[in-house]
Amino acid sequence: MVALLVACTYLLLAVVHVYWALGGRLAKDAAVPRVPRKVAAGDIAPPAMASAMVPAFTPSRTGTLLVAVGLAAVALMVGARAGLATAPSTGPILQWAIGLVALAMLARAVGDFRLVGFFKRITGSSFAWLDTRVYSPLCLALSAGLAYVAILPP
């Protein structure tokens, strides 16, 4: 049951990334960290503009598709490990790979202490709000689910 839930979550996330890569805009702005806008020295800008938040980066279409492929691959690995899908290997290599993804998701939940994770310093954007309440808890839950799937007996 846990494996099915984790695999379906990863597949859903993959579909969302494909949607964004194909030009979908729904919730896209809240999926990228934001940083305070920097005003160049000597520029005259109203205080409201000086404190505006801008995207920390602009995801490319190719990058977004690669993320979707990676998410779908994790879903397939989880499905294979739990016997929900077939794969060339369901042994120790797959178990270690899922364990590494679990560690990566835990690291994402903790964050980089700047833009993402529970311990981010830059707040005040819709991304930061969602990251604290949705994205980071989801990463923590996925980490636990992946760890559980990794230790399942073959």
N, C-alpha and C. Protein backbone atom coordinates (compact mmCIF):
# COMPACT_ATOMS: atom_id res chain seq x y z
N MET A 1 0.82 -1.20 0.00
CA MET A 1 0.00 0.00 0.00
C MET A 1 0.87 1.27 0.00
N VAL A 2 1.91 1.28 0.84
CA VAL A 2 2.81 2.43 0.89
C VAL A 2 3.49 2.62 -0.46
N ALA A 3 3.96 1.52 -1.03
CA ALA A 3 4.66 1.60 -2.32
C ALA A 3 3.74 2.14 -3.41
N LEU A 4 2.51 1.69 -3.42
CA LEU A 4 1.55 2.17 -4.42
C LEU A 4 1.31 3.68 -4.26
N LEU A 5 1.15 4.12 -3.03
CA LEU A 5 0.93 5.54 -2.76
C LEU A 5 2.15 6.38 -3.18
N VAL A 6 3.35 5.91 -2.86
CA VAL A 6 4.57 6.62 -3.24
C VAL A 6 4.71 6.65 -4.76
N ALA A 7 4.51 5.52 -5.42
CA ALA A 7 4.64 5.46 -6.88
C ALA A 7 3.62 6.38 -7.56
N CYS A 8 2.39 6.36 -7.09
CA CYS A 8 1.35 7.22 -7.68
C CYS A 8 1.67 8.70 -7.46
N THR A 9 2.22 9.04 -6.30
CA THR A 9 2.60 10.43 -6.03
C THR A 9 3.68 10.87 -7.00
N TYR A 10 4.69 10.02 -7.21
CA TYR A 10 5.75 10.37 -8.15
C TYR A 10 5.22 10.48 -9.57
N LEU A 11 4.31 9.59 -9.96
CA LEU A 11 3.72 9.69 -11.30
C LEU A 11 2.92 10.99 -11.46
N LEU A 12 2.16 11.36 -10.44
CA LEU A 12 1.41 12.61 -10.49
C LEU A 12 2.35 13.80 -10.63
N LEU A 13 3.43 13.80 -9.87
CA LEU A 13 4.40 14.89 -9.97
C LEU A 13 5.05 14.92 -11.36
N ALA A 14 5.29 13.76 -11.93
CA ALA A 14 5.85 13.70 -13.29
C ALA A 14 4.88 14.31 -14.30
N VAL A 15 3.60 13.99 -14.17
CA VAL A 15 2.59 14.53 -15.08
C VAL A 15 2.50 16.05 -14.95
N VAL A 16 2.58 16.57 -13.74
CA VAL A 16 2.55 18.02 -13.53
C VAL A 16 3.74 18.67 -14.22
N HIS A 17 4.92 18.06 -14.11
CA HIS A 17 6.09 18.63 -14.76
C HIS A 17 5.99 18.58 -16.29
N VAL A 18 5.41 17.53 -16.83
CA VAL A 18 5.18 17.47 -18.28
C VAL A 18 4.21 18.58 -18.69
N TYR A 19 3.17 18.78 -17.91
CA TYR A 19 2.20 19.86 -18.16
C TYR A 19 2.92 21.21 -18.23
N TRP A 20 3.79 21.47 -17.25
CA TRP A 20 4.53 22.74 -17.25
C TRP A 20 5.47 22.83 -18.44
N ALA A 21 6.13 21.73 -18.77
CA ALA A 21 7.07 21.75 -19.91
C ALA A 21 6.35 22.01 -21.23
N LEU A 22 5.10 21.59 -21.31
CA LEU A 22 4.33 21.80 -22.53
C LEU A 22 3.63 23.17 -22.56
N GLY A 23 3.92 24.01 -21.56
CA GLY A 23 3.38 25.36 -21.58
C GLY A 23 2.31 25.65 -20.56
N GLY A 24 1.93 24.66 -19.76
CA GLY A 24 0.92 24.89 -18.73
C GLY A 24 1.41 25.90 -17.72
N ARG A 25 0.49 26.72 -17.23
CA ARG A 25 0.90 27.80 -16.32
C ARG A 25 0.31 27.66 -14.93
N LEU A 26 -0.69 26.81 -14.76
CA LEU A 26 -1.36 26.68 -13.47
C LEU A 26 -0.36 26.28 -12.38
N ALA A 27 -0.24 27.09 -11.36
CA ALA A 27 0.62 26.87 -10.18
C ALA A 27 2.11 26.91 -10.49
N LYS A 28 2.48 27.26 -11.70
CA LYS A 28 3.90 27.27 -12.07
C LYS A 28 4.67 28.33 -11.29
N ASP A 29 4.08 29.49 -11.09
CA ASP A 29 4.78 30.57 -10.38
C ASP A 29 5.07 30.21 -8.92
N ALA A 30 4.22 29.39 -8.33
CA ALA A 30 4.41 29.02 -6.92
C ALA A 30 5.33 27.80 -6.78
N ALA A 31 5.89 27.32 -7.88
CA ALA A 31 6.74 26.15 -7.84
C ALA A 31 8.22 26.49 -7.89
N VAL A 32 8.54 27.77 -8.03
CA VAL A 32 9.93 28.21 -8.14
C VAL A 32 10.24 29.15 -6.97
N PRO A 33 11.36 28.92 -6.28
CA PRO A 33 11.72 29.83 -5.19
C PRO A 33 11.88 31.27 -5.68
N ARG A 34 11.60 32.19 -4.80
CA ARG A 34 11.73 33.61 -5.14
C ARG A 34 12.72 34.27 -4.20
N VAL A 35 13.40 35.26 -4.75
CA VAL A 35 14.39 36.03 -3.99
C VAL A 35 14.03 37.51 -4.09
N PRO A 36 14.49 38.31 -3.13
CA PRO A 36 14.22 39.74 -3.22
C PRO A 36 14.88 40.34 -4.45
N ARG A 37 14.16 41.24 -5.09
CA ARG A 37 14.68 41.92 -6.27
C ARG A 37 15.81 42.85 -5.85
N LYS A 38 16.88 42.84 -6.59
CA LYS A 38 18.00 43.73 -6.29
C LYS A 38 17.88 44.97 -7.16
N VAL A 39 18.04 46.10 -6.54
CA VAL A 39 18.01 47.37 -7.27
C VAL A 39 19.45 47.83 -7.43
N ALA A 40 19.84 48.10 -8.67
CA ALA A 40 21.21 48.53 -8.95
C ALA A 40 21.50 49.86 -8.28
N ALA A 41 22.75 50.04 -7.90
CA ALA A 41 23.17 51.29 -7.26
C ALA A 41 22.87 52.46 -8.19
N GLY A 42 22.30 53.50 -7.64
CA GLY A 42 21.99 54.68 -8.43
C GLY A 42 20.61 54.64 -9.05
N ASP A 43 19.97 53.45 -9.10
CA ASP A 43 18.61 53.38 -9.65
C ASP A 43 17.64 54.01 -8.67
N ILE A 44 16.66 54.67 -9.22
CA ILE A 44 15.61 55.26 -8.39
C ILE A 44 14.40 54.36 -8.56
N ALA A 45 14.07 53.67 -7.48
CA ALA A 45 12.92 52.77 -7.53
C ALA A 45 12.07 52.99 -6.29
N PRO A 46 10.77 52.91 -6.45
CA PRO A 46 9.91 53.04 -5.28
C PRO A 46 10.20 51.91 -4.29
N PRO A 47 10.01 52.13 -3.00
CA PRO A 47 10.30 51.09 -2.00
C PRO A 47 9.58 49.78 -2.27
N ALA A 48 8.34 49.85 -2.78
CA ALA A 48 7.60 48.62 -3.05
C ALA A 48 8.31 47.80 -4.12
N MET A 49 8.85 48.45 -5.14
CA MET A 49 9.53 47.73 -6.21
C MET A 49 10.86 47.16 -5.71
N ALA A 50 11.53 47.87 -4.83
CA ALA A 50 12.81 47.42 -4.32
C ALA A 50 12.66 46.13 -3.53
N SER A 51 11.51 45.92 -2.90
CA SER A 51 11.33 44.73 -2.08
C SER A 51 10.57 43.62 -2.83
N ALA A 52 10.29 43.80 -4.10
CA ALA A 52 9.56 42.80 -4.86
C ALA A 52 10.37 41.51 -4.96
N MET A 53 9.66 40.40 -5.04
CA MET A 53 10.30 39.09 -5.15
C MET A 53 10.31 38.68 -6.61
N VAL A 54 11.43 38.13 -7.05
CA VAL A 54 11.56 37.64 -8.43
C VAL A 54 12.00 36.18 -8.37
N PRO A 55 11.72 35.40 -9.44
CA PRO A 55 12.14 34.00 -9.44
C PRO A 55 13.65 33.86 -9.28
N ALA A 56 14.07 32.88 -8.49
CA ALA A 56 15.50 32.63 -8.28
C ALA A 56 16.14 32.09 -9.55
N PHE A 57 15.36 31.43 -10.40
CA PHE A 57 15.82 30.91 -11.68
C PHE A 57 14.61 30.69 -12.57
N THR A 58 14.86 30.52 -13.85
CA THR A 58 13.78 30.23 -14.79
C THR A 58 13.99 28.83 -15.34
N PRO A 59 13.12 27.89 -14.97
CA PRO A 59 13.28 26.52 -15.45
C PRO A 59 13.12 26.44 -16.96
N SER A 60 14.01 25.70 -17.60
CA SER A 60 13.89 25.51 -19.04
C SER A 60 12.90 24.38 -19.33
N ARG A 61 12.40 24.35 -20.54
CA ARG A 61 11.49 23.28 -20.95
C ARG A 61 12.20 21.93 -20.87
N THR A 62 13.44 21.88 -21.34
CA THR A 62 14.20 20.63 -21.32
C THR A 62 14.46 20.18 -19.88
N GLY A 63 14.86 21.11 -19.04
CA GLY A 63 15.10 20.77 -17.64
C GLY A 63 13.86 20.25 -16.95
N THR A 64 12.73 20.88 -17.23
CA THR A 64 11.47 20.45 -16.64
C THR A 64 11.09 19.06 -17.11
N LEU A 65 11.32 18.78 -18.39
CA LEU A 65 11.05 17.43 -18.91
C LEU A 65 11.99 16.40 -18.29
N LEU A 66 13.24 16.77 -18.08
CA LEU A 66 14.18 15.85 -17.43
C LEU A 66 13.76 15.55 -15.99
N VAL A 67 13.26 16.55 -15.30
CA VAL A 67 12.73 16.31 -13.96
C VAL A 67 11.55 15.34 -14.02
N ALA A 68 10.67 15.52 -15.00
CA ALA A 68 9.53 14.62 -15.17
C ALA A 68 9.99 13.19 -15.42
N VAL A 69 11.00 13.02 -16.25
CA VAL A 69 11.53 11.68 -16.53
C VAL A 69 12.11 11.07 -15.26
N GLY A 70 12.85 11.87 -14.50
CA GLY A 70 13.41 11.38 -13.24
C GLY A 70 12.34 10.97 -12.25
N LEU A 71 11.28 11.76 -12.15
CA LEU A 71 10.18 11.43 -11.25
C LEU A 71 9.49 10.14 -11.68
N ALA A 72 9.26 9.99 -12.98
CA ALA A 72 8.64 8.76 -13.50
C ALA A 72 9.55 7.56 -13.26
N ALA A 73 10.86 7.76 -13.38
CA ALA A 73 11.82 6.66 -13.14
C ALA A 73 11.76 6.21 -11.68
N VAL A 74 11.63 7.16 -10.76
CA VAL A 74 11.52 6.79 -9.35
C VAL A 74 10.22 6.01 -9.13
N ALA A 75 9.14 6.44 -9.75
CA ALA A 75 7.87 5.71 -9.63
C ALA A 75 8.03 4.27 -10.13
N LEU A 76 8.73 4.10 -11.25
CA LEU A 76 8.97 2.75 -11.79
C LEU A 76 9.85 1.93 -10.85
N MET A 77 10.87 2.55 -10.29
CA MET A 77 11.75 1.83 -9.35
C MET A 77 10.96 1.36 -8.13
N VAL A 78 10.12 2.23 -7.59
CA VAL A 78 9.31 1.86 -6.43
C VAL A 78 8.35 0.73 -6.80
N GLY A 79 7.72 0.87 -7.96
CA GLY A 79 6.81 -0.19 -8.41
C GLY A 79 7.52 -1.52 -8.59
N ALA A 80 8.70 -1.48 -9.15
CA ALA A 80 9.47 -2.72 -9.36
C ALA A 80 9.88 -3.33 -8.02
N ARG A 81 10.33 -2.52 -7.12
CA ARG A 81 10.77 -3.01 -5.81
C ARG A 81 9.63 -3.67 -5.04
N ALA A 82 8.42 -3.13 -5.21
CA ALA A 82 7.25 -3.65 -4.49
C ALA A 82 6.51 -4.73 -5.27
N GLY A 83 7.00 -5.07 -6.46
CA GLY A 83 6.35 -6.09 -7.26
C GLY A 83 5.13 -5.59 -8.02
N LEU A 84 4.99 -4.28 -8.13
CA LEU A 84 3.86 -3.70 -8.86
C LEU A 84 4.17 -3.53 -10.34
N ALA A 85 5.45 -3.60 -10.70
CA ALA A 85 5.89 -3.45 -12.08
C ALA A 85 7.08 -4.37 -12.29
N THR A 86 7.37 -4.64 -13.55
CA THR A 86 8.53 -5.48 -13.83
C THR A 86 9.72 -4.61 -14.19
N ALA A 87 10.88 -5.09 -13.80
CA ALA A 87 12.12 -4.38 -14.08
C ALA A 87 13.23 -5.41 -14.24
N PRO A 88 14.30 -5.04 -14.94
CA PRO A 88 15.42 -5.97 -15.12
C PRO A 88 16.04 -6.43 -13.80
N SER A 89 15.98 -5.56 -12.78
CA SER A 89 16.58 -5.90 -11.50
C SER A 89 15.70 -5.40 -10.38
N THR A 90 15.49 -6.23 -9.39
CA THR A 90 14.78 -5.81 -8.19
C THR A 90 15.63 -6.09 -6.96
N GLY A 91 16.91 -6.34 -7.17
CA GLY A 91 17.81 -6.72 -6.10
C GLY A 91 18.43 -5.55 -5.37
N PRO A 92 19.63 -5.78 -4.85
CA PRO A 92 20.30 -4.78 -4.01
C PRO A 92 20.57 -3.45 -4.70
N ILE A 93 20.85 -3.46 -5.99
CA ILE A 93 21.11 -2.19 -6.69
C ILE A 93 19.87 -1.31 -6.65
N LEU A 94 18.73 -1.88 -6.93
CA LEU A 94 17.47 -1.13 -6.88
C LEU A 94 17.18 -0.66 -5.46
N GLN A 95 17.44 -1.52 -4.51
CA GLN A 95 17.23 -1.18 -3.11
C GLN A 95 18.10 0.02 -2.70
N TRP A 96 19.36 0.01 -3.10
CA TRP A 96 20.27 1.12 -2.78
C TRP A 96 19.87 2.39 -3.53
N ALA A 97 19.45 2.24 -4.77
CA ALA A 97 19.03 3.42 -5.54
C ALA A 97 17.84 4.10 -4.87
N ILE A 98 16.87 3.32 -4.44
CA ILE A 98 15.70 3.89 -3.77
C ILE A 98 16.12 4.52 -2.44
N GLY A 99 17.04 3.87 -1.75
CA GLY A 99 17.56 4.45 -0.50
C GLY A 99 18.24 5.78 -0.72
N LEU A 100 18.99 5.90 -1.83
CA LEU A 100 19.64 7.18 -2.14
C LEU A 100 18.62 8.27 -2.46
N VAL A 101 17.56 7.90 -3.16
CA VAL A 101 16.50 8.87 -3.45
C VAL A 101 15.82 9.29 -2.14
N ALA A 102 15.65 8.34 -1.22
CA ALA A 102 15.07 8.66 0.08
C ALA A 102 15.94 9.69 0.82
N LEU A 103 17.25 9.51 0.76
CA LEU A 103 18.15 10.47 1.39
C LEU A 103 18.08 11.84 0.70
N ALA A 104 17.98 11.83 -0.64
CA ALA A 104 17.86 13.08 -1.38
C ALA A 104 16.58 13.82 -1.00
N MET A 105 15.49 13.08 -0.83
CA MET A 105 14.22 13.71 -0.45
C MET A 105 14.29 14.26 0.98
N LEU A 106 15.00 13.56 1.85
CA LEU A 106 15.19 14.06 3.21
C LEU A 106 16.01 15.35 3.18
N ALA A 107 17.06 15.36 2.36
CA ALA A 107 17.88 16.57 2.23
C ALA A 107 17.05 17.73 1.68
N ARG A 108 16.16 17.45 0.73
CA ARG A 108 15.30 18.49 0.17
C ARG A 108 14.35 19.04 1.24
N ALA A 109 13.83 18.16 2.10
CA ALA A 109 12.93 18.61 3.16
C ALA A 109 13.68 19.51 4.15
N VAL A 110 14.88 19.11 4.53
CA VAL A 110 15.68 19.94 5.43
C VAL A 110 16.01 21.25 4.74
N GLY A 111 16.47 21.17 3.50
CA GLY A 111 16.68 22.36 2.69
C GLY A 111 18.11 22.81 2.61
N ASP A 112 18.28 23.93 1.93
CA ASP A 112 19.62 24.49 1.71
C ASP A 112 19.91 25.65 2.66
N PHE A 113 19.00 25.89 3.61
CA PHE A 113 19.13 26.96 4.59
C PHE A 113 19.07 28.35 3.96
N ARG A 114 18.61 28.42 2.72
CA ARG A 114 18.45 29.72 2.07
C ARG A 114 17.09 29.82 1.38
N LEU A 115 16.86 28.99 0.35
CA LEU A 115 15.65 29.13 -0.48
C LEU A 115 14.59 28.07 -0.24
N VAL A 116 14.99 26.84 0.09
CA VAL A 116 14.03 25.74 0.18
C VAL A 116 14.20 24.98 1.49
N GLY A 117 13.17 24.24 1.85
CA GLY A 117 13.24 23.37 3.02
C GLY A 117 12.68 24.03 4.27
N PHE A 118 12.62 23.22 5.32
CA PHE A 118 12.07 23.71 6.59
C PHE A 118 12.90 24.84 7.19
N PHE A 119 14.17 24.90 6.86
CA PHE A 119 15.06 25.88 7.50
C PHE A 119 15.47 27.02 6.56
N LYS A 120 14.65 27.32 5.57
CA LYS A 120 14.97 28.41 4.63
C LYS A 120 14.95 29.75 5.34
N ARG A 121 15.77 30.67 4.85
CA ARG A 121 15.83 32.02 5.41
C ARG A 121 15.00 33.01 4.60
N ILE A 122 14.87 32.77 3.30
CA ILE A 122 14.12 33.71 2.46
C ILE A 122 12.65 33.28 2.44
N THR A 123 11.82 34.13 2.99
CA THR A 123 10.38 33.84 3.07
C THR A 123 9.62 35.02 2.45
N GLY A 124 8.32 34.98 2.53
CA GLY A 124 7.53 36.11 2.05
C GLY A 124 6.99 35.96 0.65
N SER A 125 7.09 34.76 0.08
CA SER A 125 6.53 34.52 -1.25
C SER A 125 5.54 33.36 -1.17
N SER A 126 4.74 33.22 -2.22
CA SER A 126 3.80 32.09 -2.24
C SER A 126 4.57 30.77 -2.27
N PHE A 127 5.73 30.75 -2.94
CA PHE A 127 6.54 29.54 -2.92
C PHE A 127 6.97 29.20 -1.50
N ALA A 128 7.48 30.17 -0.76
CA ALA A 128 7.97 29.92 0.60
C ALA A 128 6.85 29.41 1.49
N TRP A 129 5.67 30.00 1.36
CA TRP A 129 4.52 29.57 2.16
C TRP A 129 4.18 28.11 1.83
N LEU A 130 4.07 27.80 0.53
CA LEU A 130 3.75 26.43 0.12
C LEU A 130 4.88 25.46 0.46
N ASP A 131 6.11 25.92 0.38
CA ASP A 131 7.24 25.05 0.69
C ASP A 131 7.18 24.61 2.15
N THR A 132 6.86 25.52 3.04
CA THR A 132 6.79 25.19 4.46
C THR A 132 5.61 24.27 4.76
N ARG A 133 4.49 24.49 4.10
CA ARG A 133 3.27 23.77 4.44
C ARG A 133 2.96 22.57 3.56
N VAL A 134 3.52 22.52 2.35
CA VAL A 134 3.20 21.42 1.43
C VAL A 134 4.45 20.72 0.91
N TYR A 135 5.32 21.45 0.22
CA TYR A 135 6.44 20.82 -0.48
C TYR A 135 7.40 20.10 0.46
N SER A 136 7.87 20.77 1.50
CA SER A 136 8.83 20.13 2.41
C SER A 136 8.19 18.98 3.20
N PRO A 137 6.96 19.13 3.73
CA PRO A 137 6.34 17.96 4.38
C PRO A 137 6.14 16.79 3.40
N LEU A 138 5.79 17.10 2.15
CA LEU A 138 5.65 16.04 1.15
C LEU A 138 6.98 15.34 0.92
N CYS A 139 8.06 16.10 0.82
CA CYS A 139 9.39 15.50 0.64
C CYS A 139 9.75 14.62 1.82
N LEU A 140 9.42 15.05 3.02
CA LEU A 140 9.69 14.26 4.22
C LEU A 140 8.88 12.96 4.21
N ALA A 141 7.61 13.06 3.84
CA ALA A 141 6.76 11.86 3.76
C ALA A 141 7.25 10.92 2.66
N LEU A 142 7.63 11.47 1.51
CA LEU A 142 8.15 10.62 0.44
C LEU A 142 9.46 9.97 0.85
N SER A 143 10.29 10.68 1.59
CA SER A 143 11.53 10.10 2.08
C SER A 143 11.24 8.89 2.97
N ALA A 144 10.30 9.04 3.88
CA ALA A 144 9.94 7.93 4.76
C ALA A 144 9.35 6.77 3.96
N GLY A 145 8.48 7.09 3.00
CA GLY A 145 7.89 6.04 2.17
C GLY A 145 8.93 5.31 1.34
N LEU A 146 9.86 6.05 0.76
CA LEU A 146 10.93 5.43 -0.03
C LEU A 146 11.82 4.56 0.85
N ALA A 147 12.15 5.02 2.05
CA ALA A 147 12.96 4.23 2.97
C ALA A 147 12.25 2.93 3.32
N TYR A 148 10.95 3.02 3.55
CA TYR A 148 10.17 1.82 3.84
C TYR A 148 10.21 0.83 2.67
N VAL A 149 10.02 1.37 1.45
CA VAL A 149 10.04 0.50 0.27
C VAL A 149 11.43 -0.11 0.08
N ALA A 150 12.49 0.66 0.38
CA ALA A 150 13.84 0.16 0.22
C ALA A 150 14.15 -1.00 1.15
N ILE A 151 13.56 -0.99 2.35
CA ILE A 151 13.87 -2.06 3.29
C ILE A 151 12.89 -3.24 3.22
N LEU A 152 11.89 -3.14 2.36
CA LEU A 152 10.98 -4.26 2.18
C LEU A 152 11.75 -5.52 1.81
N PRO A 153 11.33 -6.66 2.33
CA PRO A 153 12.00 -7.89 1.88
C PRO A 153 11.70 -8.14 0.40
N PRO A 154 12.68 -8.67 -0.33
CA PRO A 154 12.46 -8.90 -1.77
C PRO A 154 11.38 -9.91 -2.05
